């Protein structure tokens, strides 16, 4: 009789241990799934940051190129103004075509 009681108690303890092990296994699987999702999220953020960095570099390169073109256009406009002023001197001589009444100089 006592042996049967011990056997039933052992069986109950094994069932409890099995249930607890199954719960622990489920929790571990949930943690693994959450970790995988977190890893994927971090990878997406990293990829987005990399794309943003590429775009920022492109914007910086474009800005630098625009500044260079602007400087070149400024130099060309100064040269053009000088040529126009020289032509005005040749065409009008000492007489001014300017409303101010002063002849343009070649240095302007």
N, C-alpha and C. Protein backbone atom coordinates (compact mmCIF):
# COMPACT_ATOMS: atom_id res chain seq x y z
N UNK A 1 0.83 -1.19 0.00
CA UNK A 1 0.00 0.00 0.00
C UNK A 1 0.87 1.25 0.00
N UNK A 2 1.89 1.25 0.83
CA UNK A 2 2.77 2.41 0.92
C UNK A 2 3.55 2.57 -0.38
N UNK A 3 3.92 1.46 -1.02
CA UNK A 3 4.65 1.51 -2.28
C UNK A 3 3.80 2.11 -3.38
N UNK A 4 2.51 1.77 -3.38
CA UNK A 4 1.60 2.35 -4.39
C UNK A 4 1.46 3.86 -4.19
N UNK A 5 1.39 4.26 -2.95
CA UNK A 5 1.26 5.70 -2.67
C UNK A 5 2.51 6.43 -3.13
N UNK A 6 3.68 5.84 -2.88
CA UNK A 6 4.93 6.47 -3.31
C UNK A 6 5.01 6.51 -4.84
N UNK A 7 4.55 5.48 -5.47
CA UNK A 7 4.56 5.44 -6.94
C UNK A 7 3.66 6.51 -7.51
N UNK A 8 2.44 6.64 -6.93
CA UNK A 8 1.52 7.70 -7.40
C UNK A 8 2.10 9.09 -7.15
N UNK A 9 2.75 9.27 -6.02
CA UNK A 9 3.37 10.57 -5.72
C UNK A 9 4.50 10.84 -6.70
N UNK A 10 5.27 9.85 -7.03
CA UNK A 10 6.38 10.02 -7.98
C UNK A 10 5.83 10.36 -9.37
N UNK A 11 4.75 9.64 -9.78
CA UNK A 11 4.12 9.93 -11.07
C UNK A 11 3.59 11.37 -11.11
N UNK A 12 2.98 11.81 -10.03
CA UNK A 12 2.44 13.18 -9.96
C UNK A 12 3.59 14.19 -10.04
N UNK A 13 4.68 13.89 -9.36
CA UNK A 13 5.84 14.78 -9.39
C UNK A 13 6.42 14.84 -10.80
N UNK A 14 6.49 13.68 -11.49
CA UNK A 14 6.99 13.68 -12.86
C UNK A 14 6.07 14.46 -13.79
N UNK A 15 4.75 14.33 -13.63
CA UNK A 15 3.80 15.10 -14.43
C UNK A 15 3.97 16.59 -14.20
N UNK A 16 4.14 16.96 -12.92
CA UNK A 16 4.36 18.37 -12.60
C UNK A 16 5.66 18.87 -13.23
N UNK A 17 6.72 18.06 -13.13
CA UNK A 17 8.00 18.44 -13.72
C UNK A 17 7.88 18.57 -15.24
N UNK A 18 7.13 17.67 -15.87
CA UNK A 18 6.93 17.72 -17.31
C UNK A 18 6.18 19.00 -17.69
N UNK A 19 5.14 19.33 -16.94
CA UNK A 19 4.36 20.54 -17.22
C UNK A 19 5.23 21.78 -17.05
N UNK A 20 6.02 21.80 -16.00
CA UNK A 20 6.91 22.95 -15.75
C UNK A 20 7.95 23.05 -16.87
N UNK A 21 8.50 21.90 -17.28
CA UNK A 21 9.49 21.90 -18.37
C UNK A 21 8.87 22.42 -19.66
N UNK A 22 7.63 22.03 -19.94
CA UNK A 22 6.95 22.51 -21.14
C UNK A 22 6.74 24.02 -21.07
N UNK A 23 6.35 24.53 -19.91
CA UNK A 23 6.17 25.98 -19.74
C UNK A 23 7.50 26.71 -19.94
N UNK A 24 8.56 26.17 -19.37
CA UNK A 24 9.88 26.79 -19.52
C UNK A 24 10.30 26.77 -20.99
N UNK A 25 10.05 25.65 -21.66
CA UNK A 25 10.37 25.55 -23.09
C UNK A 25 9.61 26.59 -23.90
N UNK A 26 8.32 26.78 -23.59
CA UNK A 26 7.49 27.78 -24.29
C UNK A 26 8.05 29.19 -24.06
N UNK A 27 8.43 29.48 -22.82
CA UNK A 27 8.99 30.79 -22.50
C UNK A 27 10.30 31.01 -23.26
N UNK A 28 11.12 29.99 -23.32
CA UNK A 28 12.40 30.09 -24.05
C UNK A 28 12.13 30.34 -25.53
N UNK A 29 11.15 29.64 -26.12
CA UNK A 29 10.81 29.86 -27.54
C UNK A 29 10.31 31.29 -27.76
N UNK A 30 9.51 31.80 -26.83
CA UNK A 30 9.02 33.18 -26.95
C UNK A 30 10.16 34.19 -26.86
N UNK A 31 11.09 33.93 -25.95
CA UNK A 31 12.26 34.81 -25.82
C UNK A 31 13.10 34.77 -27.10
N UNK A 32 13.27 33.58 -27.66
CA UNK A 32 14.04 33.44 -28.91
C UNK A 32 13.36 34.18 -30.05
N UNK A 33 12.03 34.08 -30.14
CA UNK A 33 11.30 34.78 -31.20
C UNK A 33 11.42 36.30 -31.03
N UNK A 34 11.29 36.77 -29.79
CA UNK A 34 11.41 38.21 -29.53
C UNK A 34 12.83 38.69 -29.85
N UNK A 35 13.81 37.88 -29.51
CA UNK A 35 15.20 38.24 -29.82
C UNK A 35 15.42 38.32 -31.32
N UNK A 36 14.83 37.40 -32.07
CA UNK A 36 14.94 37.41 -33.53
C UNK A 36 14.29 38.67 -34.11
N UNK A 37 13.11 39.01 -33.62
CA UNK A 37 12.43 40.23 -34.08
C UNK A 37 13.27 41.47 -33.76
N UNK A 38 13.83 41.49 -32.57
CA UNK A 38 14.67 42.62 -32.18
C UNK A 38 15.90 42.70 -33.09
N UNK A 39 16.50 41.58 -33.39
CA UNK A 39 17.66 41.55 -34.27
C UNK A 39 17.31 42.06 -35.66
N UNK A 40 16.16 41.66 -36.17
CA UNK A 40 15.72 42.12 -37.49
C UNK A 40 15.45 43.63 -37.46
N UNK A 41 14.86 44.11 -36.38
CA UNK A 41 14.61 45.55 -36.24
C UNK A 41 15.90 46.34 -36.22
N UNK A 42 16.88 45.84 -35.50
CA UNK A 42 18.18 46.52 -35.43
C UNK A 42 18.84 46.52 -36.81
N UNK A 43 18.72 45.41 -37.55
CA UNK A 43 19.29 45.34 -38.89
C UNK A 43 18.63 46.36 -39.82
N UNK A 44 17.31 46.52 -39.70
CA UNK A 44 16.59 47.50 -40.52
C UNK A 44 17.03 48.92 -40.17
N UNK A 45 17.19 49.19 -38.89
CA UNK A 45 17.65 50.52 -38.46
C UNK A 45 19.05 50.79 -39.00
N UNK A 46 19.90 49.80 -38.92
CA UNK A 46 21.27 49.94 -39.42
C UNK A 46 21.27 50.22 -40.92
N UNK A 47 20.44 49.50 -41.66
CA UNK A 47 20.37 49.71 -43.10
C UNK A 47 19.83 51.11 -43.41
N UNK A 48 18.83 51.56 -42.66
CA UNK A 48 18.28 52.90 -42.86
C UNK A 48 19.32 53.96 -42.57
N UNK A 49 20.09 53.78 -41.50
CA UNK A 49 21.14 54.74 -41.16
C UNK A 49 22.19 54.79 -42.27
N UNK A 50 22.52 53.63 -42.83
CA UNK A 50 23.50 53.57 -43.92
C UNK A 50 22.97 54.33 -45.14
N UNK A 51 21.70 54.14 -45.47
CA UNK A 51 21.10 54.85 -46.59
C UNK A 51 21.08 56.36 -46.34
N UNK A 52 20.76 56.76 -45.12
CA UNK A 52 20.76 58.18 -44.77
C UNK A 52 22.15 58.76 -44.91
N UNK A 53 23.17 58.00 -44.51
CA UNK A 53 24.55 58.46 -44.62
C UNK A 53 24.92 58.65 -46.09
N UNK A 54 24.53 57.71 -46.95
CA UNK A 54 24.81 57.83 -48.38
C UNK A 54 24.14 59.08 -48.95
N UNK A 55 22.89 59.30 -48.57
CA UNK A 55 22.17 60.47 -49.07
C UNK A 55 22.82 61.76 -48.59
N UNK A 56 23.24 61.78 -47.34
CA UNK A 56 23.91 62.96 -46.79
C UNK A 56 25.20 63.24 -47.54
N UNK A 57 25.94 62.20 -47.87
CA UNK A 57 27.18 62.38 -48.63
C UNK A 57 26.88 62.91 -50.03
N UNK A 58 25.79 62.43 -50.63
CA UNK A 58 25.41 62.93 -51.96
C UNK A 58 25.01 64.40 -51.89
N UNK A 59 24.27 64.77 -50.84
CA UNK A 59 23.86 66.17 -50.68
C UNK A 59 25.09 67.05 -50.48
N UNK A 60 26.03 66.59 -49.68
CA UNK A 60 27.25 67.36 -49.44
C UNK A 60 28.05 67.52 -50.74
N UNK A 61 28.13 66.46 -51.53
CA UNK A 61 28.85 66.54 -52.80
C UNK A 61 28.16 67.51 -53.75
N UNK A 62 26.84 67.46 -53.79
CA UNK A 62 26.09 68.37 -54.66
C UNK A 62 26.26 69.81 -54.21
N UNK A 63 26.24 70.04 -52.91
CA UNK A 63 26.44 71.39 -52.39
C UNK A 63 27.83 71.90 -52.74
N UNK A 64 28.81 71.05 -52.62
CA UNK A 64 30.19 71.43 -52.94
C UNK A 64 30.30 71.74 -54.44
N UNK A 65 29.68 70.92 -55.25
CA UNK A 65 29.71 71.14 -56.70
C UNK A 65 29.00 72.45 -57.05
N UNK A 66 27.87 72.71 -56.39
CA UNK A 66 27.13 73.95 -56.63
C UNK A 66 27.96 75.17 -56.25
N UNK A 67 28.68 75.08 -55.16
CA UNK A 67 29.54 76.19 -54.74
C UNK A 67 30.62 76.44 -55.77
N UNK A 68 31.20 75.38 -56.30
CA UNK A 68 32.23 75.52 -57.33
C UNK A 68 31.67 76.16 -58.59
N UNK A 69 30.50 75.73 -59.00
CA UNK A 69 29.86 76.30 -60.19
C UNK A 69 29.53 77.76 -59.94
N UNK A 70 29.06 78.09 -58.76
CA UNK A 70 28.74 79.47 -58.42
C UNK A 70 29.98 80.36 -58.51
N UNK A 71 31.09 79.88 -57.98
CA UNK A 71 32.34 80.65 -58.06
C UNK A 71 32.76 80.84 -59.51
N UNK A 72 32.62 79.79 -60.32
CA UNK A 72 32.99 79.88 -61.72
C UNK A 72 32.10 80.88 -62.45
N UNK A 73 30.80 80.85 -62.17
CA UNK A 73 29.88 81.78 -62.80
C UNK A 73 30.16 83.21 -62.38
N UNK A 74 30.53 83.42 -61.12
CA UNK A 74 30.88 84.76 -60.65
C UNK A 74 32.10 85.28 -61.40
N UNK A 75 33.10 84.43 -61.55
CA UNK A 75 34.31 84.83 -62.27
C UNK A 75 33.99 85.14 -63.73
N UNK A 76 33.15 84.31 -64.35
CA UNK A 76 32.78 84.54 -65.74
C UNK A 76 31.97 85.82 -65.91
N UNK A 77 31.08 86.10 -64.95
CA UNK A 77 30.29 87.33 -65.06
C UNK A 77 31.17 88.56 -64.89
N UNK A 78 32.17 88.49 -64.03
CA UNK A 78 33.11 89.61 -63.88
C UNK A 78 33.89 89.83 -65.18
N UNK A 79 34.31 88.71 -65.77
CA UNK A 79 35.06 88.80 -67.02
C UNK A 79 34.17 89.39 -68.12
N UNK A 80 32.93 88.95 -68.19
CA UNK A 80 31.99 89.46 -69.18
C UNK A 80 31.74 90.95 -68.98
N UNK A 81 31.59 91.37 -67.72
CA UNK A 81 31.37 92.79 -67.44
C UNK A 81 32.57 93.60 -67.89
N UNK A 82 33.76 93.09 -67.65
CA UNK A 82 34.97 93.79 -68.07
C UNK A 82 35.01 93.92 -69.59
N UNK A 83 34.63 92.85 -70.29
CA UNK A 83 34.62 92.90 -71.75
C UNK A 83 33.59 93.91 -72.25
N UNK A 84 32.41 93.90 -71.66
CA UNK A 84 31.36 94.85 -72.06
C UNK A 84 31.82 96.28 -71.79
N UNK A 85 32.45 96.51 -70.65
CA UNK A 85 32.95 97.85 -70.33
C UNK A 85 34.00 98.29 -71.36
N UNK A 86 34.88 97.38 -71.75
CA UNK A 86 35.90 97.72 -72.75
C UNK A 86 35.26 98.02 -74.10
N UNK A 87 34.24 97.24 -74.44
CA UNK A 87 33.53 97.49 -75.70
C UNK A 87 32.83 98.84 -75.67
N UNK A 88 32.25 99.19 -74.53
CA UNK A 88 31.57 100.48 -74.41
C UNK A 88 32.57 101.62 -74.58
N UNK A 89 33.76 101.45 -74.04
CA UNK A 89 34.80 102.48 -74.21
C UNK A 89 35.19 102.61 -75.68
N UNK A 90 35.29 101.47 -76.36
CA UNK A 90 35.64 101.52 -77.78
C UNK A 90 34.52 102.16 -78.60
N UNK A 91 33.29 101.81 -78.31
CA UNK A 91 32.15 102.30 -79.09
C UNK A 91 31.87 103.77 -78.78
N UNK A 92 31.84 104.13 -77.50
CA UNK A 92 31.42 105.47 -77.12
C UNK A 92 32.59 106.40 -76.85
N UNK A 93 33.77 105.88 -76.84
CA UNK A 93 34.94 106.70 -76.57
C UNK A 93 34.85 107.25 -75.16
N UNK A 94 35.08 108.54 -75.01
CA UNK A 94 35.00 109.16 -73.69
C UNK A 94 33.58 109.52 -73.30
N UNK A 95 32.64 109.41 -74.26
CA UNK A 95 31.25 109.74 -73.97
C UNK A 95 30.60 108.55 -73.27
N UNK A 96 29.71 108.86 -72.41
CA UNK A 96 29.09 107.81 -71.61
C UNK A 96 27.78 107.35 -72.21
N UNK A 97 27.59 106.04 -72.17
CA UNK A 97 26.29 105.48 -72.52
C UNK A 97 25.51 105.20 -71.24
N UNK A 98 26.15 105.49 -70.11
CA UNK A 98 25.52 105.27 -68.81
C UNK A 98 24.71 106.50 -68.43
N UNK A 99 23.57 106.28 -67.74
CA UNK A 99 22.75 107.42 -67.31
C UNK A 99 23.49 108.35 -66.35
N UNK A 100 24.52 107.88 -65.69
CA UNK A 100 25.23 108.72 -64.73
C UNK A 100 26.07 109.78 -65.41
N UNK A 101 26.32 109.57 -66.70
CA UNK A 101 27.12 110.53 -67.43
C UNK A 101 28.60 110.24 -67.36
N UNK A 102 29.00 109.20 -66.68
CA UNK A 102 30.40 108.83 -66.58
C UNK A 102 30.70 107.66 -67.50
N UNK A 103 31.83 107.72 -68.16
CA UNK A 103 32.23 106.62 -69.03
C UNK A 103 32.66 105.44 -68.16
N UNK A 104 32.32 104.24 -68.55
CA UNK A 104 32.73 103.07 -67.78
C UNK A 104 34.23 102.87 -67.89
N UNK A 105 34.80 102.32 -66.84
CA UNK A 105 36.24 102.05 -66.86
C UNK A 105 36.44 100.57 -67.11
N UNK A 106 37.59 100.22 -67.60
CA UNK A 106 37.92 98.83 -67.89
C UNK A 106 38.12 98.02 -66.62
N UNK A 107 38.27 98.68 -65.48
CA UNK A 107 38.52 97.98 -64.21
C UNK A 107 37.25 97.54 -63.51
N UNK A 108 36.10 97.97 -63.94
CA UNK A 108 34.86 97.66 -63.23
C UNK A 108 34.44 96.25 -63.45
